[in-house]
Protein backbone atom coordinates (compact mmCIF):
# COMPACT_ATOMS: atom_id res chain seq x y z
CA MET A 1 0.00 0.00 0.00
CA ARG A 2 2.80 2.40 0.90
CA ASP A 3 4.50 1.79 -2.46
CA LYS A 4 1.32 2.81 -4.25
CA TYR A 5 1.19 5.96 -2.15
CA LYS A 6 4.83 6.76 -2.91
CA ASN A 7 4.20 6.21 -6.64
CA TRP A 8 1.19 8.49 -6.43
CA LEU A 9 3.18 11.18 -4.62
CA GLY A 10 5.96 10.87 -7.16
CA SER A 11 3.57 11.40 -10.02
CA MET A 12 2.02 14.40 -8.26
CA ASN A 13 5.45 16.02 -7.81
CA ARG A 14 6.32 15.90 -11.51
CA ALA A 15 6.38 18.95 -13.70
CA SER A 16 2.83 19.87 -14.68
CA SER A 17 3.61 19.38 -18.36
CA GLU A 18 4.26 15.68 -17.83
CA LYS A 19 1.26 13.42 -17.87
CA PRO A 20 1.10 10.45 -15.52
CA SER A 21 1.36 7.05 -17.14
CA LYS A 22 -1.65 4.78 -17.38
CA LYS A 23 -0.21 2.64 -14.59
CA GLU A 24 0.26 5.70 -12.36
CA ARG A 25 -3.30 6.90 -13.02
CA LYS A 26 -4.61 3.45 -12.12
CA SER A 27 -2.53 3.48 -8.93
CA GLN A 28 -3.82 6.96 -8.03
CA ASN A 29 -7.42 5.87 -8.57
CA GLN A 30 -6.95 2.74 -6.45
CA PHE A 31 -5.29 4.76 -3.71
CA GLN A 32 -8.21 7.20 -3.61
CA LYS A 33 -10.75 4.36 -3.63
CA ASN A 34 -8.97 2.60 -0.76
CA MET A 35 -8.95 5.76 1.32
CA LEU A 36 -12.65 6.33 0.67
CA ILE A 37 -13.54 2.72 1.51
CA PHE A 38 -11.49 2.78 4.72
CA ASN A 39 -13.11 6.07 5.71
CA ILE A 40 -16.62 4.69 5.11
CA LEU A 41 -15.82 1.50 7.05
CA GLY A 42 -14.33 3.51 9.91
CA ALA A 43 -17.39 5.75 10.07
CA ALA A 44 -19.73 2.73 9.98
CA HIS A 45 -17.87 1.03 12.83
CA ALA A 46 -17.94 4.24 14.86
CA GLN A 47 -21.72 4.51 14.36
CA LEU A 48 -22.01 0.93 15.65
CA HIS A 49 -19.88 1.88 18.68
CA ASN A 50 -17.08 -0.43 17.52
CA TYR A 51 -14.53 2.27 18.27
CA ASP A 52 -11.41 0.11 18.12
CA SER A 53 -12.36 -1.17 14.67
CA ALA A 54 -13.18 2.35 13.54
CA VAL A 55 -9.78 3.58 14.69
CA ALA A 56 -8.06 0.68 12.90
CA TYR A 57 -9.61 1.77 9.57
CA PHE A 58 -8.67 5.41 10.09
CA GLU A 59 -5.13 4.31 10.95
CA LEU A 60 -4.96 2.44 7.63
CA ILE A 61 -5.61 5.75 5.92
CA LEU A 62 -2.82 7.34 7.96
CA GLU A 63 -0.44 4.60 6.80
CA MET A 64 -1.16 5.67 3.23
CA LYS A 65 -1.34 9.40 3.94
CA PRO A 66 0.30 10.34 7.26
CA ASP A 67 -0.83 13.98 7.10
CA ASP A 68 -4.55 13.24 6.72
CA GLY A 69 -6.11 15.57 9.25
CA ASN A 70 -9.57 14.10 8.72
CA SER A 71 -8.38 10.69 9.92
CA TYR A 72 -6.84 12.17 13.06
CA TYR A 73 -10.09 14.08 13.61
CA ASN A 74 -12.16 10.91 13.13
CA ILE A 75 -9.92 9.00 15.57
CA GLY A 76 -10.39 11.84 18.05
CA VAL A 77 -14.17 11.61 17.74
CA ALA A 78 -14.12 7.82 18.17
CA MET A 79 -11.86 8.06 21.21
CA GLN A 80 -14.00 10.81 22.74
CA ASP A 81 -17.14 8.73 22.19
CA LYS A 82 -15.33 5.76 23.78
CA GLY A 83 -14.44 7.92 26.77
CA ASP A 84 -10.68 7.97 26.15
CA LEU A 85 -10.33 11.73 26.40
CA ARG A 86 -6.52 11.74 26.58
CA SER A 87 -6.32 9.97 23.22
CA ALA A 88 -9.08 12.17 21.79
CA ILE A 89 -7.17 15.33 22.75
CA LYS A 90 -3.93 13.94 21.30
CA ASN A 91 -5.60 13.14 17.97
CA TYR A 92 -7.49 16.44 17.75
CA ARG A 93 -4.15 18.21 18.21
CA LYS A 94 -2.64 16.14 15.39
CA ALA A 95 -5.65 16.99 13.21
CA ILE A 96 -5.12 20.69 13.89
CA THR A 97 -1.44 20.35 12.95
CA CYS A 98 -2.55 18.94 9.58
CA ASN A 99 -5.48 21.31 9.11
CA PRO A 100 -5.38 24.39 11.36
CA ASN A 101 -8.51 25.88 9.76
CA HIS A 102 -11.02 23.18 10.74
CA ALA A 103 -13.38 24.85 13.21
CA THR A 104 -15.11 21.61 14.21
CA THR A 105 -11.83 20.14 15.43
CA TYR A 106 -11.30 23.11 17.75
CA TYR A 107 -14.90 22.79 18.93
CA ASN A 108 -14.52 19.08 19.73
CA LEU A 109 -11.15 19.73 21.37
CA GLY A 110 -12.90 22.33 23.52
CA ASN A 111 -15.54 19.76 24.46
CA ALA A 112 -12.85 17.22 25.41
CA PHE A 113 -11.00 19.78 27.54
CA GLN A 114 -14.25 20.74 29.23
CA GLU A 115 -14.95 17.07 30.01
CA VAL A 116 -11.55 16.68 31.72
CA GLY A 117 -12.06 19.93 33.62
CA ASN A 118 -9.48 22.06 31.79
CA LEU A 119 -11.80 25.02 31.41
CA GLU A 120 -9.19 27.53 30.23
CA SER A 121 -8.20 25.25 27.33
CA ALA A 122 -11.87 24.62 26.58
CA ILE A 123 -12.51 28.35 26.31
CA GLU A 124 -9.41 28.84 24.16
CA ASN A 125 -10.48 26.17 21.68
CA TYR A 126 -14.10 27.30 21.51
CA ALA A 127 -12.79 30.80 20.81
CA LYS A 128 -10.59 29.46 17.99
CA ALA A 129 -13.60 27.66 16.51
CA ILE A 130 -15.61 30.88 16.67
CA LYS A 131 -12.78 32.88 15.13
CA LEU A 132 -12.71 30.47 12.17
CA LYS A 133 -16.50 30.29 11.92
CA PRO A 134 -18.16 33.32 13.56
CA ASP A 135 -21.66 31.86 13.15
CA TYR A 136 -20.76 28.60 14.93
CA ALA A 137 -23.78 28.46 17.26
CA GLU A 138 -22.68 25.33 19.13
CA ALA A 139 -19.28 26.86 19.96
CA TRP A 140 -20.95 30.09 21.13
CA ASN A 141 -23.27 28.01 23.29
CA ASN A 142 -20.54 25.84 24.78
CA ILE A 143 -18.10 28.67 25.54
CA VAL A 144 -20.57 30.12 28.04
CA PHE A 145 -20.43 27.21 30.52
CA PRO A 146 -16.69 27.19 31.24
CA MET A 147 -16.63 31.00 31.25
CA GLN A 148 -19.42 31.06 33.79
CA ALA A 149 -17.65 28.41 35.88
CA ILE A 150 -14.46 30.48 35.94
CA LYS A 151 -16.31 33.77 36.60
CA PRO A 152 -19.51 32.76 38.45
CA ASN A 153 -20.27 36.33 39.52
CA PHE A 154 -21.52 37.32 36.06
CA SER A 155 -25.19 38.19 36.13
CA SER A 156 -26.03 37.14 32.59
CA VAL A 157 -24.83 35.27 29.55
CA GLY A 158 -24.78 38.59 27.69
CA GLU A 159 -22.29 39.95 30.21
CA ILE A 160 -20.02 36.93 29.67
CA LEU A 161 -20.20 37.27 25.91
CA SER A 162 -19.56 41.01 26.15
CA LEU A 163 -16.38 40.34 28.08
CA PHE A 164 -15.31 37.74 25.53
CA LEU A 165 -16.04 40.09 22.65
CA GLU A 166 -14.11 42.92 24.29
CA GLN A 167 -11.04 40.71 24.66
CA SER A 168 -11.24 39.37 21.12
CA GLU A 169 -8.77 40.62 18.54
CA SER A 170 -11.14 40.06 15.66
CA GLN A 171 -13.27 42.91 14.34
CA LYS A 172 -15.98 40.38 13.50
CA TYR A 173 -16.62 39.80 17.19
CA LYS A 174 -16.52 43.46 18.13
CA GLY A 175 -19.24 44.11 15.59
CA ALA A 176 -21.38 41.50 17.27
CA LYS A 177 -21.47 43.51 20.52
CA SER A 178 -24.42 45.50 19.22
CA ILE A 179 -26.52 42.33 19.27
CA LEU A 180 -26.00 41.96 23.00
């Protein structure tokens, strides 16, 4: 499997004027099909709560493509659903390394941190999710609970969000203050 991946990478790194051979195109197609099949099987096993099997399929993808952020994300979700929060956090971090613009990964990482009681990290990751996707309602909802736990003397959710918006560097958030 790894040889097919290396052949595929080699053909992708060629000068754009060169066309891949028929054998290389066939290898590329098979590689993509295998990744898709493993992803579908992993997702199916996760839905059936067979988390170890799900992880095994996502790891097969990582053997073929070690920088596949979606597979790290999917392993994180499976591990979080299984209750292995340490592994979930580790895999979400790897997913972010591969794809730092995936708001849902930050959101899920925030959820995992909140579950282990690391409220500051939860807030930080919810905020990153919101920064990437300002209309992320779930992240806005979830950021309130750890903020309220850290600062229980706030009288309203609007007051918490106002504080968050004031501290934000993004103009998008500052514009949202008028809603509160």
